Amino acid sequence: MKKAVRNMGIKRKLDRSIIKLEQREGVIQVVGGNSWYSYFRDPYHLMLTIPWIGFVAIVILFDIFLNAVFAVLYLLDPNAIAGTIDKGFLEAFFFSVQTLASIGYGVMHPDTLYANLLVTLESIASLMLFALITGIAFTRFAKSSSRVMFSRVATIHDYNGTPTLIFRTANERRNNILEAKLSVYLMIDEISAEGQMMRRLHELKLVRDHSPVFLLSWTVMHTIDENSPLHCLTMETMQRLNAQVLVSLTGVDETIEGTLHARHMYASQHLLFNYRFVDVIHMGTDGHRYLDYKHFHETTEI
């Protein structure tokens, strides 16, 4: 029996050490990765990533549980709480609520040394609890959420006579993102001369990878010359190598003066050869330029 339990424990450890990689729409992803329910063994990250309704539910349930525990402790001394006729669980529970929340109506109060020691212990617990909850709640509010949109596809076509990888990104908040920096990488499966398969990352140099102010839209371009990792790669070759284009954008949100991060992934089927994007900027009859996001993702065949 003990051997079976030990073997079961070893099997569970081995199961946790295996990470499943799944290909979804051409993009290799970690199953369950970066999801709040994957952090049950990491309470701090769980409280930061769980949805707000879950966060509030955990706080309420823990508060009820803690008050119930102290209510049971108060009931161990029949004379612990004065100012109440009944000496039941509800009276002890609500006395704990008043103590933990520092309310103190003045009706119920501790009447023995044991009760005063419990009140002291509960007041210390309440200070730590409220400081912890306040800190986590502030961290959740303070987290910068990016509203950066990327085009659903990227195109590859000649620009000024040279094949060029092009995609678009836009700032949906329409405020200033200062010192915006873009990094683009090609991820492919490579096999060494010794036959070892490895997932490699190659940087794609951009025509312009930095912008002092990112306000509306940005057309990102990578020239596919003889020095480019994309040189001579066809659609069939990229599919065979499980090619993906990883895009990472960083900058400073001027409104909150905090660092902003955005990321996007293009699988091989999202790279369109001999297509170009529809122009989103047009000149109005009033002589002013207009940016129309309705055509942001649209492409046309060349």
C-alpha atoms as a PDB file:
ATOM      1  CA  MET A   1       0.000   0.000   0.000  1.00  0.00           C
ATOM      2  CA  LYS A   2       2.773   2.415   0.978  1.00  0.00           C
ATOM      3  CA  LYS A   3       4.643   1.522  -2.207  1.00  0.00           C
ATOM      4  CA  ALA A   4       1.545   2.243  -4.313  1.00  0.00           C
ATOM      5  CA  VAL A   5       1.099   5.664  -2.643  1.00  0.00           C
ATOM      6  CA  ARG A   6       4.792   6.468  -3.151  1.00  0.00           C
ATOM      7  CA  ASN A   7       4.612   5.457  -6.819  1.00  0.00           C
ATOM      8  CA  MET A   8       1.506   7.600  -7.240  1.00  0.00           C
ATOM      9  CA  GLY A   9       3.354  10.595  -5.766  1.00  0.00           C
ATOM     10  CA  ILE A  10       6.303  10.054  -8.101  1.00  0.00           C
ATOM     11  CA  LYS A  11       3.938   9.810 -11.080  1.00  0.00           C
ATOM     12  CA  ARG A  12       2.264  13.101 -10.142  1.00  0.00           C
ATOM     13  CA  LYS A  13       5.663  14.825  -9.920  1.00  0.00           C
ATOM     14  CA  LEU A  14       6.611  13.453 -13.339  1.00  0.00           C
ATOM     15  CA  ASP A  15       3.274  14.599 -14.768  1.00  0.00           C
ATOM     16  CA  ARG A  16       3.918  18.135 -13.459  1.00  0.00           C
ATOM     17  CA  SER A  17       7.380  18.135 -15.021  1.00  0.00           C
ATOM     18  CA  ILE A  18       5.938  17.483 -18.496  1.00  0.00           C
ATOM     19  CA  ILE A  19       4.782  20.609 -20.351  1.00  0.00           C
ATOM     20  CA  LYS A  20       2.523  20.105 -23.335  1.00  0.00           C
ATOM     21  CA  LEU A  21       3.160  22.243 -26.432  1.00  0.00           C
ATOM     22  CA  GLU A  22       0.222  22.541 -28.774  1.00  0.00           C
ATOM     23  CA  GLN A  23       0.032  24.094 -32.236  1.00  0.00           C
ATOM     24  CA  ARG A  24      -3.023  26.307 -32.585  1.00  0.00           C
ATOM     25  CA  GLU A  25      -3.569  28.040 -35.912  1.00  0.00           C
ATOM     26  CA  GLY A  26       0.099  27.529 -36.708  1.00  0.00           C
ATOM     27  CA  VAL A  27       1.312  29.040 -33.418  1.00  0.00           C
ATOM     28  CA  ILE A  28       3.086  26.769 -30.903  1.00  0.00           C
ATOM     29  CA  GLN A  29       1.694  27.515 -27.456  1.00  0.00           C
ATOM     30  CA  VAL A  30       2.142  26.133 -23.953  1.00  0.00           C
ATOM     31  CA  VAL A  31      -1.098  24.443 -22.897  1.00  0.00           C
ATOM     32  CA  GLY A  32      -2.359  26.278 -19.818  1.00  0.00           C
ATOM     33  CA  GLY A  33       0.584  28.662 -19.884  1.00  0.00           C
ATOM     34  CA  ASN A  34       0.150  32.203 -18.544  1.00  0.00           C
ATOM     35  CA  SER A  35      -3.348  31.333 -17.250  1.00  0.00           C
ATOM     36  CA  TRP A  36      -4.449  32.234 -13.741  1.00  0.00           C
ATOM     37  CA  TYR A  37      -5.415  28.651 -12.907  1.00  0.00           C
ATOM     38  CA  SER A  38      -1.823  27.525 -13.556  1.00  0.00           C
ATOM     39  CA  TYR A  39      -0.621  29.475 -10.484  1.00  0.00           C
ATOM     40  CA  PHE A  40      -2.302  27.491  -7.687  1.00  0.00           C
ATOM     41  CA  ARG A  41       1.170  26.687  -6.317  1.00  0.00           C
ATOM     42  CA  ASP A  42       2.128  30.377  -6.507  1.00  0.00           C
ATOM     43  CA  PRO A  43      -0.464  32.324  -4.443  1.00  0.00           C
ATOM     44  CA  TYR A  44       0.943  35.786  -5.205  1.00  0.00           C
ATOM     45  CA  HIS A  45       0.774  35.314  -8.983  1.00  0.00           C
ATOM     46  CA  LEU A  46      -2.631  33.669  -8.595  1.00  0.00           C
ATOM     47  CA  MET A  47      -4.023  36.746  -6.823  1.00  0.00           C
ATOM     48  CA  LEU A  48      -2.553  39.007  -9.519  1.00  0.00           C
ATOM     49  CA  THR A  49      -3.846  37.038 -12.503  1.00  0.00           C
ATOM     50  CA  ILE A  50      -7.215  35.705 -11.362  1.00  0.00           C
ATOM     51  CA  PRO A  51     -10.238  37.708 -12.675  1.00  0.00           C
ATOM     52  CA  TRP A  52     -11.553  40.435 -10.382  1.00  0.00           C
ATOM     53  CA  ILE A  53     -14.655  38.445  -9.457  1.00  0.00           C
ATOM     54  CA  GLY A  54     -12.414  35.579  -8.342  1.00  0.00           C
ATOM     55  CA  PHE A  55     -10.164  37.950  -6.384  1.00  0.00           C
ATOM     56  CA  VAL A  56     -13.133  39.459  -4.532  1.00  0.00           C
ATOM     57  CA  ALA A  57     -14.586  35.992  -3.880  1.00  0.00           C
ATOM     58  CA  ILE A  58     -11.306  34.744  -2.381  1.00  0.00           C
ATOM     59  CA  VAL A  59     -11.053  37.820  -0.119  1.00  0.00           C
ATOM     60  CA  ILE A  60     -14.645  37.403   1.104  1.00  0.00           C
ATOM     61  CA  LEU A  61     -14.316  33.662   1.699  1.00  0.00           C
ATOM     62  CA  PHE A  62     -11.014  34.075   3.544  1.00  0.00           C
ATOM     63  CA  ASP A  63     -12.511  36.830   5.709  1.00  0.00           C
ATOM     64  CA  ILE A  64     -15.483  34.594   6.604  1.00  0.00           C
ATOM     65  CA  PHE A  65     -13.163  31.682   7.347  1.00  0.00           C
ATOM     66  CA  LEU A  66     -10.866  33.776   9.556  1.00  0.00           C
ATOM     67  CA  ASN A  67     -13.772  35.224  11.528  1.00  0.00           C
ATOM     68  CA  ALA A  68     -15.235  31.741  11.969  1.00  0.00           C
ATOM     69  CA  VAL A  69     -11.918  30.464  13.346  1.00  0.00           C
ATOM     70  CA  PHE A  70     -11.702  33.304  15.874  1.00  0.00           C
ATOM     71  CA  ALA A  71     -15.385  32.798  16.777  1.00  0.00           C
ATOM     72  CA  VAL A  72     -14.640  29.200  17.721  1.00  0.00           C
ATOM     73  CA  LEU A  73     -11.655  30.352  19.792  1.00  0.00           C
ATOM     74  CA  TYR A  74     -13.803  32.904  21.632  1.00  0.00           C
ATOM     75  CA  LEU A  75     -16.376  30.206  22.436  1.00  0.00           C
ATOM     76  CA  LEU A  76     -13.726  28.192  24.281  1.00  0.00           C
ATOM     77  CA  ASP A  77     -14.201  30.654  27.146  1.00  0.00           C
ATOM     78  CA  PRO A  78     -17.919  31.081  28.025  1.00  0.00           C
ATOM     79  CA  ASN A  79     -17.202  34.450  29.695  1.00  0.00           C
ATOM     80  CA  ALA A  80     -14.928  35.824  26.975  1.00  0.00           C
ATOM     81  CA  ILE A  81     -17.462  38.277  25.495  1.00  0.00           C
ATOM     82  CA  ALA A  82     -19.503  40.663  27.619  1.00  0.00           C
ATOM     83  CA  GLY A  83     -22.433  42.757  26.496  1.00  0.00           C
ATOM     84  CA  THR A  84     -24.486  39.972  24.931  1.00  0.00           C
ATOM     85  CA  ILE A  85     -27.275  37.812  26.336  1.00  0.00           C
ATOM     86  CA  ASP A  86     -26.706  34.756  24.146  1.00  0.00           C
ATOM     87  CA  LYS A  87     -23.312  33.082  24.025  1.00  0.00           C
ATOM     88  CA  GLY A  88     -23.684  31.388  20.657  1.00  0.00           C
ATOM     89  CA  PHE A  89     -21.572  31.132  17.529  1.00  0.00           C
ATOM     90  CA  LEU A  90     -23.240  34.084  15.755  1.00  0.00           C
ATOM     91  CA  GLU A  91     -22.488  36.465  18.618  1.00  0.00           C
ATOM     92  CA  ALA A  92     -18.860  35.322  18.693  1.00  0.00           C
ATOM     93  CA  PHE A  93     -18.640  35.529  14.899  1.00  0.00           C
ATOM     94  CA  PHE A  94     -19.946  39.098  14.708  1.00  0.00           C
ATOM     95  CA  PHE A  95     -17.749  40.142  17.635  1.00  0.00           C
ATOM     96  CA  SER A  96     -14.810  38.817  15.598  1.00  0.00           C
ATOM     97  CA  VAL A  97     -16.025  40.807  12.572  1.00  0.00           C
ATOM     98  CA  GLN A  98     -16.107  44.001  14.651  1.00  0.00           C
ATOM     99  CA  THR A  99     -12.646  43.299  16.045  1.00  0.00           C
ATOM    100  CA  LEU A 100     -11.063  42.316  12.719  1.00  0.00           C
ATOM    101  CA  ALA A 101     -12.491  45.389  10.978  1.00  0.00           C
ATOM    102  CA  SER A 102     -11.653  47.705  13.904  1.00  0.00           C
ATOM    103  CA  ILE A 103     -15.306  48.757  14.163  1.00  0.00           C
ATOM    104  CA  GLY A 104     -15.880  48.505  17.926  1.00  0.00           C
ATOM    105  CA  TYR A 105     -19.521  49.552  18.512  1.00  0.00           C
ATOM    106  CA  GLY A 106     -18.903  49.420  22.265  1.00  0.00           C
ATOM    107  CA  VAL A 107     -21.728  46.959  23.057  1.00  0.00           C
ATOM    108  CA  MET A 108     -19.800  43.671  22.944  1.00  0.00           C
ATOM    109  CA  HIS A 109     -16.338  43.735  24.475  1.00  0.00           C
ATOM    110  CA  PRO A 110     -13.758  41.271  25.818  1.00  0.00           C
ATOM    111  CA  ASP A 111     -14.242  40.466  29.482  1.00  0.00           C
ATOM    112  CA  THR A 112     -11.405  38.065  30.375  1.00  0.00           C
ATOM    113  CA  LEU A 113      -7.652  37.908  29.983  1.00  0.00           C
ATOM    114  CA  TYR A 114      -8.074  35.075  27.456  1.00  0.00           C
ATOM    115  CA  ALA A 115     -10.453  37.208  25.379  1.00  0.00           C
ATOM    116  CA  ASN A 116      -8.140  40.227  25.481  1.00  0.00           C
ATOM    117  CA  LEU A 117      -5.224  38.093  24.307  1.00  0.00           C
ATOM    118  CA  LEU A 118      -7.360  36.824  21.413  1.00  0.00           C
ATOM    119  CA  VAL A 119      -8.373  40.392  20.536  1.00  0.00           C
ATOM    120  CA  THR A 120      -4.703  41.379  20.524  1.00  0.00           C
ATOM    121  CA  LEU A 121      -3.856  38.469  18.230  1.00  0.00           C
ATOM    122  CA  GLU A 122      -6.808  39.252  15.943  1.00  0.00           C
ATOM    123  CA  SER A 123      -5.881  42.944  15.707  1.00  0.00           C
ATOM    124  CA  ILE A 124      -2.371  41.971  14.579  1.00  0.00           C
ATOM    125  CA  ALA A 125      -3.859  39.564  12.037  1.00  0.00           C
ATOM    126  CA  SER A 126      -6.199  42.289  10.755  1.00  0.00           C
ATOM    127  CA  LEU A 127      -3.300  44.725  10.241  1.00  0.00           C
ATOM    128  CA  MET A 128      -1.380  42.147   8.212  1.00  0.00           C
ATOM    129  CA  LEU A 129      -4.470  41.022   6.295  1.00  0.00           C
ATOM    130  CA  PHE A 130      -5.601  44.505   5.249  1.00  0.00           C
ATOM    131  CA  ALA A 131      -2.061  45.530   4.334  1.00  0.00           C
ATOM    132  CA  LEU A 132      -1.727  42.417   2.151  1.00  0.00           C
ATOM    133  CA  ILE A 133      -5.103  42.853   0.441  1.00  0.00           C
ATOM    134  CA  THR A 134      -4.517  46.574  -0.121  1.00  0.00           C
ATOM    135  CA  GLY A 135      -1.082  45.922  -1.625  1.00  0.00           C
ATOM    136  CA  ILE A 136      -2.351  43.233  -3.999  1.00  0.00           C
ATOM    137  CA  ALA A 137      -5.382  45.316  -5.022  1.00  0.00           C
ATOM    138  CA  PHE A 138      -3.158  48.336  -5.721  1.00  0.00           C
ATOM    139  CA  THR A 139      -0.767  46.182  -7.762  1.00  0.00           C
ATOM    140  CA  ARG A 140      -3.696  44.884  -9.835  1.00  0.00           C
ATOM    141  CA  PHE A 141      -4.926  48.435 -10.485  1.00  0.00           C
ATOM    142  CA  ALA A 142      -1.429  49.748 -11.199  1.00  0.00           C
ATOM    143  CA  LYS A 143      -0.637  47.127 -13.837  1.00  0.00           C
ATOM    144  CA  SER A 144      -0.408  48.834 -17.223  1.00  0.00           C
ATOM    145  CA  SER A 145      -2.630  47.199 -19.825  1.00  0.00           C
ATOM    146  CA  SER A 146      -1.658  47.806 -23.417  1.00  0.00           C
ATOM    147  CA  ARG A 147      -4.269  48.742 -26.017  1.00  0.00           C
ATOM    148  CA  VAL A 148      -2.016  48.107 -28.986  1.00  0.00           C
ATOM    149  CA  MET A 149      -3.561  46.533 -32.075  1.00  0.00           C
ATOM    150  CA  PHE A 150      -1.623  44.481 -34.615  1.00  0.00           C
ATOM    151  CA  SER A 151      -2.788  43.639 -38.123  1.00  0.00           C
ATOM    152  CA  ARG A 152      -4.174  40.108 -38.346  1.00  0.00           C
ATOM    153  CA  VAL A 153      -1.757  39.234 -41.146  1.00  0.00           C
ATOM    154  CA  ALA A 154       1.659  40.319 -42.407  1.00  0.00           C
ATOM    155  CA  THR A 155       2.426  40.735 -46.086  1.00  0.00           C
ATOM    156  CA  ILE A 156       5.513  40.020 -48.183  1.00  0.00           C
ATOM    157  CA  HIS A 157       5.864  41.919 -51.443  1.00  0.00           C
ATOM    158  CA  ASP A 158       8.333  44.101 -53.315  1.00  0.00           C
ATOM    159  CA  TYR A 159       8.880  47.577 -51.921  1.00  0.00           C
ATOM    160  CA  ASN A 160      11.271  49.786 -53.894  1.00  0.00           C
ATOM    161  CA  GLY A 161      12.279  46.690 -55.830  1.00  0.00           C
ATOM    162  CA  THR A 162      13.181  44.575 -52.760  1.00  0.00           C
ATOM    163  CA  PRO A 163      11.019  41.898 -51.073  1.00  0.00           C
ATOM    164  CA  THR A 164       9.803  43.300 -47.763  1.00  0.00           C
ATOM    165  CA  LEU A 165       7.919  41.922 -44.793  1.00  0.00           C
ATOM    166  CA  ILE A 166       5.276  44.445 -43.732  1.00  0.00           C
ATOM    167  CA  PHE A 167       2.685  44.525 -40.947  1.00  0.00           C
ATOM    168  CA  ARG A 168       0.845  47.282 -39.120  1.00  0.00           C
ATOM    169  CA  THR A 169       0.325  48.235 -35.498  1.00  0.00           C
ATOM    170  CA  ALA A 170      -1.855  50.935 -33.965  1.00  0.00           C
ATOM    171  CA  ASN A 171      -2.315  52.625 -30.592  1.00  0.00           C
ATOM    172  CA  GLU A 172      -6.005  52.204 -29.777  1.00  0.00           C
ATOM    173  CA  ARG A 173      -5.905  54.600 -26.821  1.00  0.00           C
ATOM    174  CA  ARG A 174      -4.697  57.435 -29.076  1.00  0.00           C
ATOM    175  CA  ASN A 175      -2.470  58.841 -26.362  1.00  0.00           C
ATOM    176  CA  ASN A 176       1.288  59.156 -26.635  1.00  0.00           C
ATOM    177  CA  ILE A 177       3.489  56.088 -26.211  1.00  0.00           C
ATOM    178  CA  LEU A 178       6.934  57.562 -25.714  1.00  0.00           C
ATOM    179  CA  GLU A 179      10.187  55.974 -26.888  1.00  0.00           C
ATOM    180  CA  ALA A 180       8.380  53.072 -28.525  1.00  0.00           C
ATOM    181  CA  LYS A 181      10.714  50.218 -29.472  1.00  0.00           C
ATOM    182  CA  LEU A 182       9.848  47.300 -31.747  1.00  0.00           C
ATOM    183  CA  SER A 183      11.702  43.994 -31.893  1.00  0.00           C
ATOM    184  CA  VAL A 184      10.821  41.313 -34.436  1.00  0.00           C
ATOM    185  CA  TYR A 185      12.130  37.745 -34.468  1.00  0.00           C
ATOM    186  CA  LEU A 186      11.787  34.700 -36.706  1.00  0.00           C
ATOM    187  CA  MET A 187      11.273  31.433 -34.840  1.00  0.00           C
ATOM    188  CA  ILE A 188      11.993  28.237 -36.806  1.00  0.00           C
ATOM    189  CA  ASP A 189      12.910  24.612 -36.237  1.00  0.00           C
ATOM    190  CA  GLU A 190      16.527  23.961 -37.186  1.00  0.00           C
ATOM    191  CA  ILE A 191      18.429  20.688 -37.406  1.00  0.00           C
ATOM    192  CA  SER A 192      22.175  20.800 -36.788  1.00  0.00           C
ATOM    193  CA  ALA A 193      24.802  18.870 -38.770  1.00  0.00           C
ATOM    194  CA  GLU A 194      24.704  16.284 -35.979  1.00  0.00           C
ATOM    195  CA  GLY A 195      20.959  15.828 -36.385  1.00  0.00           C
ATOM    196  CA  GLN A 196      19.916  17.720 -33.239  1.00  0.00           C
ATOM    197  CA  MET A 197      16.648  19.635 -33.561  1.00  0.00           C
ATOM    198  CA  MET A 198      16.446  23.027 -31.880  1.00  0.00           C
ATOM    199  CA  ARG A 199      13.952  25.891 -31.883  1.00  0.00           C
ATOM    200  CA  ARG A 200      15.988  28.938 -32.938  1.00  0.00           C
ATOM    201  CA  LEU A 201      15.289  32.641 -32.723  1.00  0.00           C
ATOM    202  CA  HIS A 202      16.622  35.013 -35.410  1.00  0.00           C
ATOM    203  CA  GLU A 203      16.304  38.779 -35.170  1.00  0.00           C
ATOM    204  CA  LEU A 204      14.723  40.577 -38.126  1.00  0.00           C
ATOM    205  CA  LYS A 205      16.248  44.019 -38.573  1.00  0.00           C
ATOM    206  CA  LEU A 206      13.647  46.686 -39.262  1.00  0.00           C
ATOM    207  CA  VAL A 207      13.779  49.719 -41.504  1.00  0.00           C
ATOM    208  CA  ARG A 208      12.719  51.701 -38.412  1.00  0.00           C
ATOM    209  CA  ASP A 209      12.533  50.006 -35.023  1.00  0.00           C
ATOM    210  CA  HIS A 210      12.202  53.092 -32.821  1.00  0.00           C
ATOM    211  CA  SER A 211       9.724  55.941 -32.607  1.00  0.00           C
ATOM    212  CA  PRO A 212       9.998  58.857 -30.156  1.00  0.00           C
ATOM    213  CA  VAL A 213       6.190  59.174 -30.122  1.00  0.00           C
ATOM    214  CA  PHE A 214       3.779  56.379 -31.125  1.00  0.00           C
ATOM    215  CA  LEU A 215       0.353  58.019 -31.375  1.00  0.00           C
ATOM    216  CA  LEU A 216      -1.813  56.414 -34.059  1.00  0.00           C
ATOM    217  CA  SER A 217      -0.394  53.820 -36.462  1.00  0.00           C
ATOM    218  CA  TRP A 218       2.961  52.386 -37.430  1.00  0.00           C
ATOM    219  CA  THR A 219       3.815  50.458 -40.578  1.00  0.00           C
ATOM    220  CA  VAL A 220       6.615  48.051 -39.686  1.00  0.00           C
ATOM    221  CA  MET A 221       8.975  46.939 -42.472  1.00  0.00           C
ATOM    222  CA  HIS A 222      11.761  44.367 -42.723  1.00  0.00           C
ATOM    223  CA  THR A 223      13.814  44.233 -45.916  1.00  0.00           C
ATOM    224  CA  ILE A 224      14.365  40.645 -47.087  1.00  0.00           C
ATOM    225  CA  ASP A 225      17.864  40.845 -48.545  1.00  0.00           C
ATOM    226  CA  GLU A 226      20.681  38.280 -48.584  1.00  0.00           C
ATOM    227  CA  ASN A 227      21.360  38.981 -44.883  1.00  0.00           C
ATOM    228  CA  SER A 228      17.759  38.383 -43.821  1.00  0.00           C
ATOM    229  CA  PRO A 229      16.767  35.090 -42.115  1.00  0.00           C
ATOM    230  CA  LEU A 230      13.724  35.131 -44.419  1.00  0.00           C
ATOM    231  CA  HIS A 231      15.895  35.155 -47.536  1.00  0.00           C
ATOM    232  CA  CYS A 232      14.831  32.442 -50.022  1.00  0.00           C
ATOM    233  CA  LEU A 233      12.201  31.051 -47.633  1.00  0.00           C
ATOM    234  CA  THR A 234       8.994  30.018 -49.399  1.00  0.00           C
ATOM    235  CA  MET A 235       5.581  29.430 -47.856  1.00  0.00           C
ATOM    236  CA  GLU A 236       6.097  25.662 -48.059  1.00  0.00           C
ATOM    237  CA  THR A 237       9.513  25.928 -46.373  1.00  0.00           C
ATOM    238  CA  MET A 238       8.151  28.088 -43.545  1.00  0.00           C
ATOM    239  CA  GLN A 239       5.302  25.666 -42.903  1.00  0.00           C
ATOM    240  CA  ARG A 240       7.738  22.757 -42.781  1.00  0.00           C
ATOM    241  CA  LEU A 241       9.958  24.632 -40.305  1.00  0.00           C
ATOM    242  CA  ASN A 242       6.951  25.748 -38.193  1.00  0.00           C
ATOM    243  CA  ALA A 243       7.996  29.346 -38.787  1.00  0.00           C
ATOM    244  CA  GLN A 244       6.542  32.084 -36.604  1.00  0.00           C
ATOM    245  CA  VAL A 245       7.210  35.805 -36.508  1.00  0.00           C
ATOM    246  CA  LEU A 246       7.281  37.170 -32.965  1.00  0.00           C
ATOM    247  CA  VAL A 247       6.675  40.890 -32.444  1.00  0.00           C
ATOM    248  CA  SER A 248       7.462  42.687 -29.177  1.00  0.00           C
ATOM    249  CA  LEU A 249       6.688  46.358 -28.512  1.00  0.00           C
ATOM    250  CA  THR A 250       7.775  48.342 -25.472  1.00  0.00           C
ATOM    251  CA  GLY A 251       7.353  51.991 -24.586  1.00  0.00           C
ATOM    252  CA  VAL A 252       6.279  54.445 -21.902  1.00  0.00           C
ATOM    253  CA  ASP A 253       2.592  55.295 -21.556  1.00  0.00           C
ATOM    254  CA  GLU A 254       2.550  59.081 -21.183  1.00  0.00           C
ATOM    255  CA  THR A 255      -0.722  59.051 -19.230  1.00  0.00           C
ATOM    256  CA  ILE A 256       0.370  56.777 -16.386  1.00  0.00           C
ATOM    257  CA  GLU A 257       4.130  57.220 -16.933  1.00  0.00           C
ATOM    258  CA  GLY A 258       4.526  53.449 -16.797  1.00  0.00           C
ATOM    259  CA  THR A 259       6.238  50.936 -19.037  1.00  0.00           C
ATOM    260  CA  LEU A 260       3.975  49.345 -21.615  1.00  0.00           C
ATOM    261  CA  HIS A 261       4.451  45.938 -23.214  1.00  0.00           C
ATOM    262  CA  ALA A 262       2.621  44.375 -26.166  1.00  0.00           C
ATOM    263  CA  ARG A 263       3.290  41.165 -28.033  1.00  0.00           C
ATOM    264  CA  HIS A 264       1.931  39.452 -31.133  1.00  0.00           C
ATOM    265  CA  MET A 265       2.662  36.296 -33.089  1.00  0.00           C
ATOM    266  CA  TYR A 266       2.291  35.636 -36.822  1.00  0.00           C
ATOM    267  CA  ALA A 267       2.182  31.986 -37.897  1.00  0.00           C
ATOM    268  CA  SER A 268       3.284  30.957 -41.380  1.00  0.00           C
ATOM    269  CA  GLN A 269      -0.318  30.981 -42.664  1.00  0.00           C
ATOM    270  CA  HIS A 270      -0.608  34.610 -41.539  1.00  0.00           C
ATOM    271  CA  LEU A 271       2.178  35.656 -43.925  1.00  0.00           C
ATOM    272  CA  LEU A 272       0.647  36.592 -47.283  1.00  0.00           C
ATOM    273  CA  PHE A 273       2.945  36.597 -50.313  1.00  0.00           C
ATOM    274  CA  ASN A 274       2.277  39.161 -53.075  1.00  0.00           C
ATOM    275  CA  TYR A 275      -0.353  41.009 -51.068  1.00  0.00           C
ATOM    276  CA  ARG A 276      -0.262  44.571 -49.791  1.00  0.00           C
ATOM    277  CA  PHE A 277      -2.253  46.448 -47.184  1.00  0.00           C
ATOM    278  CA  VAL A 278      -5.101  48.730 -48.149  1.00  0.00           C
ATOM    279  CA  ASP A 279      -4.257  52.356 -47.424  1.00  0.00           C
ATOM    280  CA  VAL A 280      -5.958  53.622 -44.260  1.00  0.00           C
ATOM    281  CA  ILE A 281      -5.087  57.284 -44.758  1.00  0.00           C
ATOM    282  CA  HIS A 282      -7.085  59.379 -47.193  1.00  0.00           C
ATOM    283  CA  MET A 283      -7.451  63.072 -47.924  1.00  0.00           C
ATOM    284  CA  GLY A 284     -10.821  64.587 -47.064  1.00  0.00           C
ATOM    285  CA  THR A 285     -12.704  67.205 -49.047  1.00  0.00           C
ATOM    286  CA  ASP A 286     -11.785  69.738 -46.356  1.00  0.00           C
ATOM    287  CA  GLY A 287      -8.086  69.284 -47.134  1.00  0.00           C
ATOM    288  CA  HIS A 288      -7.329  67.354 -43.943  1.00  0.00           C
ATOM    289  CA  ARG A 289      -5.993  63.799 -43.675  1.00  0.00           C
ATOM    290  CA  TYR A 290      -8.117  61.088 -42.086  1.00  0.00           C
ATOM    291  CA  LEU A 291      -7.137  57.681 -40.675  1.00  0.00           C
ATOM    292  CA  ASP A 292      -9.798  55.004 -41.241  1.00  0.00           C
ATOM    293  CA  TYR A 293      -9.296  51.963 -38.997  1.00  0.00           C
ATOM    294  CA  LYS A 294     -12.070  50.051 -40.788  1.00  0.00           C
ATOM    295  CA  HIS A 295      -9.510  49.013 -43.406  1.00  0.00           C
ATOM    296  CA  PHE A 296      -6.685  48.369 -40.934  1.00  0.00           C
ATOM    297  CA  HIS A 297      -6.598  44.604 -41.507  1.00  0.00           C
ATOM    298  CA  GLU A 298      -7.577  44.588 -45.181  1.00  0.00           C
ATOM    299  CA  THR A 299      -5.166  43.500 -47.915  1.00  0.00           C
ATOM    300  CA  THR A 300      -5.332  43.347 -51.674  1.00  0.00           C
ATOM    301  CA  GLU A 301      -3.551  41.009 -54.061  1.00  0.00           C
ATOM    302  CA  ILE A 302      -0.833  42.515 -56.238  1.00  0.00           C
END
